[in-house]
Amino acid sequence: MERSDLPHFKEWLNDPEVTDGLSRYLPVSTAQEENWYDQVLQRSPEEQPLAIEIRAGDAWCLAGNTGLFHLEWTNRSAEFGIFIGDKSNWDKGFGTEAVLLILRHAFHTLNLNRIYLRVLATNPRARRAYEKAGFTLEGTFRQAMFRHGQYVDVHLMSILRSEWKDPQEG
């Protein structure tokens, strides 16, 4: 990600339709997004988010970001996060492709053993993408988040290195 990407992220993170599936619920200002970016640069390279870019002809267009965080080197595990903010790229398989690329990086480059994530029960599109990539449901945090006047469940999903099928290996 580059500082020049921040206006896109600010726009997307202020769109209720985009944030409906995320843990965010308050609008974000330019100053807050810049502060977040400065903090991200202080993290280890392994925990810095990556831009999701999609080829459009000869150019690349920013669509969102993804990454690993809460890395636990002793346990060889990390939490996974992703969002596609550009709604014109929803439901086209780009989320699933980004998940597969991050898993390849996690297992082949970083030598991690377990990747986990949290997904709102009200976000079936994301859950389908995670299941396509091989994640399985571990459990449910019942009524763990308050969204739109009601409590919703949060699903905990994970994938182990031994369960992952790398599409590039056939």
N, C-alpha and C. Protein backbone atom coordinates (compact mmCIF):
# COMPACT_ATOMS: atom_id res chain seq x y z
N MET A 1 0.84 -1.18 0.00
CA MET A 1 0.00 0.00 0.00
C MET A 1 0.88 1.24 0.00
N GLU A 2 0.36 2.28 -0.58
CA GLU A 2 1.06 3.55 -0.64
C GLU A 2 0.18 4.63 0.00
N ARG A 3 0.82 5.69 0.46
CA ARG A 3 0.08 6.81 1.04
C ARG A 3 -0.94 7.36 0.04
N SER A 4 -0.62 7.30 -1.22
CA SER A 4 -1.53 7.80 -2.26
C SER A 4 -2.81 6.96 -2.37
N ASP A 5 -2.83 5.77 -1.77
CA ASP A 5 -4.04 4.92 -1.76
C ASP A 5 -5.06 5.39 -0.73
N LEU A 6 -4.62 6.18 0.24
CA LEU A 6 -5.48 6.52 1.38
C LEU A 6 -6.79 7.20 1.01
N PRO A 7 -6.85 8.09 0.02
CA PRO A 7 -8.16 8.66 -0.32
C PRO A 7 -9.19 7.60 -0.74
N HIS A 8 -8.72 6.57 -1.43
CA HIS A 8 -9.63 5.48 -1.81
C HIS A 8 -10.15 4.76 -0.56
N PHE A 9 -9.23 4.45 0.35
CA PHE A 9 -9.64 3.74 1.56
C PHE A 9 -10.60 4.58 2.39
N LYS A 10 -10.32 5.88 2.48
CA LYS A 10 -11.23 6.76 3.22
C LYS A 10 -12.63 6.73 2.60
N GLU A 11 -12.69 6.84 1.28
CA GLU A 11 -13.98 6.81 0.59
C GLU A 11 -14.71 5.49 0.88
N TRP A 12 -14.02 4.38 0.74
CA TRP A 12 -14.64 3.08 0.94
C TRP A 12 -15.06 2.86 2.39
N LEU A 13 -14.21 3.28 3.33
CA LEU A 13 -14.53 3.06 4.74
C LEU A 13 -15.61 4.00 5.26
N ASN A 14 -16.02 4.95 4.45
CA ASN A 14 -17.15 5.81 4.79
C ASN A 14 -18.42 5.40 4.04
N ASP A 15 -18.36 4.28 3.35
CA ASP A 15 -19.52 3.76 2.63
C ASP A 15 -20.15 2.67 3.49
N PRO A 16 -21.36 2.90 4.00
CA PRO A 16 -22.00 1.91 4.88
C PRO A 16 -22.17 0.53 4.24
N GLU A 17 -22.33 0.49 2.93
CA GLU A 17 -22.47 -0.80 2.26
C GLU A 17 -21.16 -1.59 2.33
N VAL A 18 -20.03 -0.90 2.24
CA VAL A 18 -18.72 -1.55 2.33
C VAL A 18 -18.45 -1.99 3.77
N THR A 19 -18.69 -1.11 4.73
CA THR A 19 -18.34 -1.43 6.12
C THR A 19 -19.35 -2.36 6.79
N ASP A 20 -20.46 -2.62 6.13
CA ASP A 20 -21.48 -3.50 6.72
C ASP A 20 -20.91 -4.87 7.07
N GLY A 21 -19.96 -5.37 6.30
CA GLY A 21 -19.37 -6.67 6.57
C GLY A 21 -18.10 -6.62 7.38
N LEU A 22 -17.68 -5.42 7.78
CA LEU A 22 -16.44 -5.26 8.54
C LEU A 22 -16.74 -4.96 10.00
N SER A 23 -15.71 -4.98 10.81
CA SER A 23 -15.90 -4.65 12.23
C SER A 23 -16.00 -3.15 12.45
N ARG A 24 -15.68 -2.35 11.44
CA ARG A 24 -15.78 -0.89 11.54
C ARG A 24 -17.24 -0.46 11.50
N TYR A 25 -17.54 0.59 12.24
CA TYR A 25 -18.91 1.10 12.20
C TYR A 25 -18.97 2.62 12.25
N LEU A 26 -17.84 3.27 12.50
CA LEU A 26 -17.80 4.74 12.54
C LEU A 26 -17.09 5.26 11.28
N PRO A 27 -17.48 6.43 10.82
CA PRO A 27 -16.78 7.03 9.68
C PRO A 27 -15.32 7.31 10.03
N VAL A 28 -14.51 7.46 9.00
CA VAL A 28 -13.09 7.73 9.19
C VAL A 28 -12.74 9.04 8.47
N SER A 29 -11.89 9.84 9.11
CA SER A 29 -11.45 11.10 8.52
C SER A 29 -10.12 10.89 7.81
N THR A 30 -9.73 11.86 7.03
CA THR A 30 -8.43 11.81 6.36
C THR A 30 -7.32 11.72 7.40
N ALA A 31 -7.40 12.52 8.46
CA ALA A 31 -6.37 12.49 9.51
C ALA A 31 -6.30 11.12 10.18
N GLN A 32 -7.45 10.51 10.44
CA GLN A 32 -7.45 9.18 11.06
C GLN A 32 -6.82 8.14 10.14
N GLU A 33 -7.13 8.22 8.87
CA GLU A 33 -6.57 7.26 7.91
C GLU A 33 -5.06 7.46 7.77
N GLU A 34 -4.60 8.70 7.77
CA GLU A 34 -3.17 8.97 7.71
C GLU A 34 -2.46 8.48 8.98
N ASN A 35 -3.09 8.68 10.14
CA ASN A 35 -2.53 8.20 11.39
C ASN A 35 -2.44 6.67 11.38
N TRP A 36 -3.49 6.01 10.90
CA TRP A 36 -3.48 4.55 10.79
C TRP A 36 -2.31 4.10 9.91
N TYR A 37 -2.15 4.76 8.77
CA TYR A 37 -1.08 4.40 7.83
C TYR A 37 0.29 4.57 8.49
N ASP A 38 0.50 5.67 9.20
CA ASP A 38 1.78 5.89 9.89
C ASP A 38 2.04 4.78 10.91
N GLN A 39 1.01 4.34 11.61
CA GLN A 39 1.16 3.25 12.58
C GLN A 39 1.47 1.93 11.88
N VAL A 40 0.84 1.70 10.75
CA VAL A 40 1.08 0.48 9.98
C VAL A 40 2.55 0.39 9.57
N LEU A 41 3.13 1.52 9.20
CA LEU A 41 4.53 1.53 8.78
C LEU A 41 5.48 1.15 9.91
N GLN A 42 5.03 1.23 11.15
CA GLN A 42 5.86 0.86 12.30
C GLN A 42 5.82 -0.64 12.58
N ARG A 43 4.86 -1.35 11.98
CA ARG A 43 4.76 -2.80 12.17
C ARG A 43 5.87 -3.51 11.41
N SER A 44 6.07 -4.77 11.77
CA SER A 44 7.01 -5.59 11.01
C SER A 44 6.49 -5.74 9.58
N PRO A 45 7.38 -5.92 8.62
CA PRO A 45 6.94 -6.05 7.22
C PRO A 45 5.89 -7.16 7.03
N GLU A 46 5.97 -8.22 7.81
CA GLU A 46 5.03 -9.33 7.68
C GLU A 46 3.61 -8.94 8.08
N GLU A 47 3.47 -7.87 8.87
CA GLU A 47 2.16 -7.45 9.35
C GLU A 47 1.67 -6.16 8.70
N GLN A 48 2.31 -5.75 7.64
CA GLN A 48 1.85 -4.56 6.92
C GLN A 48 0.87 -4.99 5.84
N PRO A 49 -0.30 -4.36 5.78
CA PRO A 49 -1.30 -4.75 4.78
C PRO A 49 -0.78 -4.59 3.35
N LEU A 50 -1.33 -5.39 2.48
CA LEU A 50 -0.99 -5.35 1.06
C LEU A 50 -2.18 -4.83 0.27
N ALA A 51 -1.90 -4.04 -0.73
CA ALA A 51 -2.97 -3.54 -1.61
C ALA A 51 -3.46 -4.69 -2.48
N ILE A 52 -4.75 -4.70 -2.73
CA ILE A 52 -5.33 -5.60 -3.73
C ILE A 52 -5.54 -4.76 -4.97
N GLU A 53 -4.83 -5.10 -6.02
CA GLU A 53 -4.95 -4.38 -7.28
C GLU A 53 -5.40 -5.35 -8.36
N ILE A 54 -6.21 -4.84 -9.27
CA ILE A 54 -6.78 -5.66 -10.34
C ILE A 54 -6.35 -5.06 -11.67
N ARG A 55 -5.89 -5.93 -12.55
CA ARG A 55 -5.44 -5.46 -13.87
C ARG A 55 -6.64 -5.00 -14.68
N ALA A 56 -6.52 -3.79 -15.21
CA ALA A 56 -7.53 -3.21 -16.11
C ALA A 56 -6.80 -2.77 -17.37
N GLY A 57 -6.75 -3.65 -18.36
CA GLY A 57 -5.97 -3.36 -19.56
C GLY A 57 -4.49 -3.41 -19.22
N ASP A 58 -3.79 -2.32 -19.46
CA ASP A 58 -2.35 -2.25 -19.15
C ASP A 58 -2.09 -1.66 -17.77
N ALA A 59 -3.14 -1.22 -17.09
CA ALA A 59 -2.98 -0.56 -15.78
C ALA A 59 -3.47 -1.48 -14.67
N TRP A 60 -3.13 -1.07 -13.46
CA TRP A 60 -3.60 -1.76 -12.26
C TRP A 60 -4.49 -0.79 -11.48
N CYS A 61 -5.63 -1.28 -11.00
CA CYS A 61 -6.57 -0.45 -10.26
C CYS A 61 -6.70 -0.98 -8.84
N LEU A 62 -6.61 -0.09 -7.87
CA LEU A 62 -6.75 -0.45 -6.47
C LEU A 62 -8.18 -0.91 -6.19
N ALA A 63 -8.32 -2.02 -5.47
CA ALA A 63 -9.66 -2.55 -5.16
C ALA A 63 -9.88 -2.73 -3.67
N GLY A 64 -8.81 -2.81 -2.86
CA GLY A 64 -8.95 -3.04 -1.43
C GLY A 64 -7.61 -3.35 -0.80
N ASN A 65 -7.65 -4.03 0.34
CA ASN A 65 -6.40 -4.47 0.96
C ASN A 65 -6.61 -5.76 1.73
N THR A 66 -5.50 -6.38 2.07
CA THR A 66 -5.52 -7.65 2.77
C THR A 66 -4.21 -7.79 3.54
N GLY A 67 -4.20 -8.71 4.48
CA GLY A 67 -2.96 -8.93 5.21
C GLY A 67 -3.12 -9.86 6.38
N LEU A 68 -2.00 -10.10 7.02
CA LEU A 68 -1.92 -10.94 8.21
C LEU A 68 -1.54 -10.05 9.38
N PHE A 69 -2.14 -10.31 10.53
CA PHE A 69 -1.78 -9.56 11.72
C PHE A 69 -1.92 -10.46 12.93
N HIS A 70 -1.53 -9.96 14.08
CA HIS A 70 -1.47 -10.76 15.31
C HIS A 70 -0.64 -12.03 15.07
N LEU A 71 0.50 -11.86 14.39
CA LEU A 71 1.39 -13.00 14.15
C LEU A 71 1.93 -13.50 15.48
N GLU A 72 1.90 -14.79 15.64
CA GLU A 72 2.46 -15.46 16.82
C GLU A 72 3.50 -16.45 16.31
N TRP A 73 4.77 -16.04 16.34
CA TRP A 73 5.82 -16.85 15.75
C TRP A 73 6.00 -18.17 16.49
N THR A 74 5.85 -18.18 17.81
CA THR A 74 6.00 -19.43 18.55
C THR A 74 4.94 -20.43 18.14
N ASN A 75 3.71 -19.96 17.98
CA ASN A 75 2.60 -20.84 17.60
C ASN A 75 2.43 -20.98 16.09
N ARG A 76 3.20 -20.19 15.33
CA ARG A 76 3.14 -20.21 13.86
C ARG A 76 1.73 -19.91 13.35
N SER A 77 1.08 -18.90 13.94
CA SER A 77 -0.28 -18.56 13.53
C SER A 77 -0.41 -17.06 13.32
N ALA A 78 -1.48 -16.69 12.60
CA ALA A 78 -1.77 -15.28 12.34
C ALA A 78 -3.24 -15.14 12.03
N GLU A 79 -3.74 -13.92 12.26
CA GLU A 79 -5.11 -13.60 11.89
C GLU A 79 -5.09 -12.97 10.50
N PHE A 80 -6.12 -13.25 9.75
CA PHE A 80 -6.23 -12.78 8.37
C PHE A 80 -7.34 -11.74 8.27
N GLY A 81 -7.10 -10.71 7.45
CA GLY A 81 -8.12 -9.71 7.19
C GLY A 81 -8.10 -9.29 5.73
N ILE A 82 -9.26 -8.91 5.23
CA ILE A 82 -9.38 -8.49 3.84
C ILE A 82 -10.60 -7.60 3.69
N PHE A 83 -10.52 -6.67 2.75
CA PHE A 83 -11.74 -6.01 2.30
C PHE A 83 -11.56 -5.51 0.89
N ILE A 84 -12.60 -5.68 0.11
CA ILE A 84 -12.65 -5.14 -1.25
C ILE A 84 -13.59 -3.95 -1.16
N GLY A 85 -13.03 -2.76 -1.27
CA GLY A 85 -13.82 -1.55 -1.12
C GLY A 85 -14.47 -1.10 -2.42
N ASP A 86 -13.85 -1.44 -3.54
CA ASP A 86 -14.39 -1.05 -4.83
C ASP A 86 -15.53 -2.01 -5.18
N LYS A 87 -16.75 -1.55 -4.99
CA LYS A 87 -17.93 -2.41 -5.15
C LYS A 87 -18.10 -2.92 -6.58
N SER A 88 -17.51 -2.25 -7.56
CA SER A 88 -17.60 -2.75 -8.93
C SER A 88 -16.84 -4.06 -9.10
N ASN A 89 -16.00 -4.41 -8.12
CA ASN A 89 -15.24 -5.65 -8.17
C ASN A 89 -15.78 -6.72 -7.22
N TRP A 90 -16.95 -6.50 -6.66
CA TRP A 90 -17.57 -7.51 -5.80
C TRP A 90 -18.13 -8.65 -6.66
N ASP A 91 -18.16 -9.83 -6.08
CA ASP A 91 -18.76 -11.02 -6.69
C ASP A 91 -18.13 -11.39 -8.03
N LYS A 92 -16.83 -11.15 -8.15
CA LYS A 92 -16.11 -11.51 -9.37
C LYS A 92 -14.97 -12.49 -9.09
N GLY A 93 -14.87 -12.96 -7.84
CA GLY A 93 -13.83 -13.92 -7.50
C GLY A 93 -12.52 -13.31 -7.06
N PHE A 94 -12.43 -11.98 -7.04
CA PHE A 94 -11.17 -11.35 -6.65
C PHE A 94 -10.85 -11.57 -5.17
N GLY A 95 -11.89 -11.59 -4.32
CA GLY A 95 -11.67 -11.85 -2.90
C GLY A 95 -11.11 -13.23 -2.67
N THR A 96 -11.70 -14.22 -3.33
CA THR A 96 -11.20 -15.59 -3.20
C THR A 96 -9.77 -15.69 -3.69
N GLU A 97 -9.47 -15.05 -4.82
CA GLU A 97 -8.11 -15.07 -5.36
C GLU A 97 -7.12 -14.43 -4.38
N ALA A 98 -7.51 -13.32 -3.78
CA ALA A 98 -6.63 -12.66 -2.80
C ALA A 98 -6.41 -13.54 -1.58
N VAL A 99 -7.46 -14.22 -1.13
CA VAL A 99 -7.33 -15.14 0.01
C VAL A 99 -6.32 -16.24 -0.32
N LEU A 100 -6.44 -16.82 -1.50
CA LEU A 100 -5.52 -17.90 -1.91
C LEU A 100 -4.08 -17.41 -1.99
N LEU A 101 -3.88 -16.19 -2.49
CA LEU A 101 -2.53 -15.66 -2.57
C LEU A 101 -1.93 -15.41 -1.19
N ILE A 102 -2.74 -14.90 -0.26
CA ILE A 102 -2.24 -14.68 1.10
C ILE A 102 -1.93 -16.00 1.78
N LEU A 103 -2.77 -17.01 1.56
CA LEU A 103 -2.50 -18.32 2.16
C LEU A 103 -1.19 -18.91 1.62
N ARG A 104 -0.97 -18.75 0.34
CA ARG A 104 0.28 -19.24 -0.25
C ARG A 104 1.47 -18.53 0.42
N HIS A 105 1.36 -17.22 0.58
CA HIS A 105 2.41 -16.43 1.24
C HIS A 105 2.58 -16.89 2.69
N ALA A 106 1.48 -17.08 3.40
CA ALA A 106 1.54 -17.47 4.81
C ALA A 106 2.21 -18.82 5.00
N PHE A 107 1.84 -19.79 4.17
CA PHE A 107 2.35 -21.15 4.35
C PHE A 107 3.69 -21.39 3.67
N HIS A 108 3.92 -20.80 2.50
CA HIS A 108 5.16 -21.06 1.76
C HIS A 108 6.27 -20.08 2.07
N THR A 109 5.93 -18.83 2.32
CA THR A 109 6.97 -17.82 2.58
C THR A 109 7.23 -17.66 4.07
N LEU A 110 6.15 -17.50 4.85
CA LEU A 110 6.32 -17.23 6.28
C LEU A 110 6.37 -18.50 7.12
N ASN A 111 6.09 -19.66 6.53
CA ASN A 111 6.12 -20.94 7.23
C ASN A 111 5.17 -20.96 8.43
N LEU A 112 3.99 -20.37 8.26
CA LEU A 112 2.98 -20.41 9.32
C LEU A 112 2.22 -21.74 9.24
N ASN A 113 1.58 -22.10 10.33
CA ASN A 113 0.83 -23.36 10.40
C ASN A 113 -0.67 -23.16 10.44
N ARG A 114 -1.12 -22.04 11.00
CA ARG A 114 -2.56 -21.81 11.17
C ARG A 114 -2.90 -20.36 10.87
N ILE A 115 -3.92 -20.17 10.04
CA ILE A 115 -4.44 -18.85 9.73
C ILE A 115 -5.90 -18.84 10.16
N TYR A 116 -6.29 -17.82 10.90
CA TYR A 116 -7.67 -17.74 11.37
C TYR A 116 -8.25 -16.38 11.04
N LEU A 117 -9.56 -16.30 11.09
CA LEU A 117 -10.25 -15.06 10.80
C LEU A 117 -11.57 -15.03 11.54
N ARG A 118 -12.11 -13.85 11.60
CA ARG A 118 -13.45 -13.66 12.15
C ARG A 118 -14.32 -13.05 11.06
N VAL A 119 -15.54 -13.56 10.93
CA VAL A 119 -16.45 -13.05 9.90
C VAL A 119 -17.85 -12.94 10.50
N LEU A 120 -18.50 -11.82 10.22
CA LEU A 120 -19.86 -11.62 10.73
C LEU A 120 -20.81 -12.62 10.08
N ALA A 121 -21.73 -13.13 10.87
CA ALA A 121 -22.73 -14.06 10.34
C ALA A 121 -23.58 -13.40 9.27
N THR A 122 -23.63 -12.08 9.27
CA THR A 122 -24.42 -11.33 8.30
C THR A 122 -23.65 -11.07 7.00
N ASN A 123 -22.49 -11.71 6.83
CA ASN A 123 -21.66 -11.51 5.64
C ASN A 123 -21.45 -12.85 4.91
N PRO A 124 -22.50 -13.41 4.32
CA PRO A 124 -22.37 -14.72 3.67
C PRO A 124 -21.44 -14.71 2.46
N ARG A 125 -21.32 -13.57 1.76
CA ARG A 125 -20.41 -13.50 0.60
C ARG A 125 -18.98 -13.78 1.04
N ALA A 126 -18.57 -13.17 2.15
CA ALA A 126 -17.20 -13.38 2.65
C ALA A 126 -17.03 -14.82 3.11
N ARG A 127 -18.00 -15.34 3.82
CA ARG A 127 -17.87 -16.72 4.31
C ARG A 127 -17.72 -17.70 3.15
N ARG A 128 -18.46 -17.49 2.08
CA ARG A 128 -18.33 -18.37 0.90
C ARG A 128 -16.91 -18.30 0.33
N ALA A 129 -16.35 -17.10 0.25
CA ALA A 129 -14.99 -16.95 -0.28
C ALA A 129 -13.99 -17.69 0.61
N TYR A 130 -14.17 -17.61 1.92
CA TYR A 130 -13.26 -18.29 2.83
C TYR A 130 -13.41 -19.80 2.72
N GLU A 131 -14.64 -20.28 2.60
CA GLU A 131 -14.85 -21.72 2.46
C GLU A 131 -14.25 -22.24 1.15
N LYS A 132 -14.37 -21.47 0.06
CA LYS A 132 -13.77 -21.86 -1.22
C LYS A 132 -12.26 -22.00 -1.08
N ALA A 133 -11.66 -21.16 -0.23
CA ALA A 133 -10.21 -21.20 -0.03
C ALA A 133 -9.79 -22.30 0.94
N GLY A 134 -10.75 -22.97 1.59
CA GLY A 134 -10.42 -24.08 2.47
C GLY A 134 -10.61 -23.84 3.95
N PHE A 135 -11.06 -22.65 4.34
CA PHE A 135 -11.29 -22.36 5.75
C PHE A 135 -12.49 -23.19 6.25
N THR A 136 -12.42 -23.59 7.51
CA THR A 136 -13.54 -24.30 8.13
C THR A 136 -13.98 -23.54 9.38
N LEU A 137 -15.23 -23.72 9.70
CA LEU A 137 -15.81 -23.07 10.88
C LEU A 137 -15.28 -23.76 12.13
N GLU A 138 -14.72 -22.97 13.05
CA GLU A 138 -14.26 -23.49 14.33
C GLU A 138 -15.29 -23.27 15.43
N GLY A 139 -16.00 -22.18 15.33
CA GLY A 139 -16.98 -21.87 16.37
C GLY A 139 -17.63 -20.53 16.12
N THR A 140 -18.51 -20.17 17.03
CA THR A 140 -19.26 -18.94 16.90
C THR A 140 -19.22 -18.16 18.21
N PHE A 141 -18.89 -16.90 18.08
CA PHE A 141 -19.01 -15.98 19.21
C PHE A 141 -20.43 -15.44 19.12
N ARG A 142 -21.30 -15.94 19.97
CA ARG A 142 -22.71 -15.61 19.87
C ARG A 142 -22.97 -14.16 20.26
N GLN A 143 -23.74 -13.49 19.42
CA GLN A 143 -24.15 -12.11 19.63
C GLN A 143 -22.96 -11.23 20.06
N ALA A 144 -21.87 -11.38 19.36
CA ALA A 144 -20.62 -10.72 19.74
C ALA A 144 -20.49 -9.28 19.25
N MET A 145 -21.29 -8.90 18.25
CA MET A 145 -21.20 -7.53 17.73
C MET A 145 -22.59 -6.93 17.64
N PHE A 146 -22.64 -5.64 17.89
CA PHE A 146 -23.90 -4.91 17.80
C PHE A 146 -23.90 -4.15 16.49
N ARG A 147 -24.78 -4.51 15.57
CA ARG A 147 -24.86 -3.89 14.25
C ARG A 147 -26.30 -3.60 13.90
N HIS A 148 -26.59 -2.39 13.50
CA HIS A 148 -27.91 -2.00 13.01
C HIS A 148 -29.02 -2.34 14.01
N GLY A 149 -28.76 -2.05 15.28
CA GLY A 149 -29.79 -2.23 16.30
C GLY A 149 -29.98 -3.64 16.80
N GLN A 150 -29.10 -4.56 16.40
CA GLN A 150 -29.22 -5.94 16.88
C GLN A 150 -27.84 -6.56 17.08
N TYR A 151 -27.81 -7.58 17.89
CA TYR A 151 -26.57 -8.32 18.11
C TYR A 151 -26.46 -9.41 17.06
N VAL A 152 -25.26 -9.56 16.50
CA VAL A 152 -25.03 -10.58 15.48
C VAL A 152 -23.88 -11.49 15.92
N ASP A 153 -23.95 -12.72 15.44
CA ASP A 153 -22.90 -13.69 15.72
C ASP A 153 -21.66 -13.38 14.89
N VAL A 154 -20.52 -13.77 15.43
CA VAL A 154 -19.25 -13.68 14.71
C VAL A 154 -18.68 -15.09 14.63
N HIS A 155 -18.42 -15.53 13.40
CA HIS A 155 -17.87 -16.87 13.20
C HIS A 155 -16.35 -16.83 13.22
N LEU A 156 -15.76 -17.81 13.87
CA LEU A 156 -14.32 -18.01 13.86
C LEU A 156 -14.03 -19.14 12.88
N MET A 157 -13.19 -18.85 11.89
CA MET A 157 -12.82 -19.84 10.88
C MET A 157 -11.30 -19.94 10.84
N SER A 158 -10.81 -21.11 10.42
CA SER A 158 -9.36 -21.26 10.29
C SER A 158 -9.03 -22.29 9.23
N ILE A 159 -7.76 -22.28 8.87
CA ILE A 159 -7.21 -23.29 7.98
C ILE A 159 -5.81 -23.61 8.48
N LEU A 160 -5.47 -24.89 8.46
CA LEU A 160 -4.14 -25.35 8.84
C LEU A 160 -3.33 -25.64 7.58
N ARG A 161 -2.04 -25.55 7.71
CA ARG A 161 -1.15 -25.83 6.57
C ARG A 161 -1.44 -27.22 6.01
N SER A 162 -1.66 -28.19 6.88
CA SER A 162 -1.90 -29.57 6.43
C SER A 162 -3.23 -29.73 5.69
N GLU A 163 -4.14 -28.77 5.84
CA GLU A 163 -5.45 -28.83 5.16
C GLU A 163 -5.46 -28.08 3.84
N TRP A 164 -4.49 -27.21 3.65
CA TRP A 164 -4.52 -26.31 2.51
C TRP A 164 -4.08 -27.00 1.23
N LYS A 165 -4.85 -26.79 0.19
CA LYS A 165 -4.51 -27.31 -1.15
C LYS A 165 -4.10 -26.13 -2.01
N ASP A 166 -2.81 -26.05 -2.32
CA ASP A 166 -2.31 -24.95 -3.14
C ASP A 166 -2.75 -25.16 -4.59
N PRO A 167 -3.57 -24.24 -5.12
CA PRO A 167 -4.05 -24.40 -6.50
C PRO A 167 -2.91 -24.43 -7.53
N GLN A 168 -1.78 -23.83 -7.19
CA GLN A 168 -0.65 -23.82 -8.12
C GLN A 168 0.08 -25.17 -8.16
N GLU A 169 -0.16 -26.01 -7.15
CA GLU A 169 0.48 -27.31 -7.11
C GLU A 169 -0.41 -28.40 -7.72
N GLY A 170 -1.64 -28.00 -8.11
CA GLY A 170 -2.56 -28.93 -8.75
C GLY A 170 -3.12 -29.87 -7.79
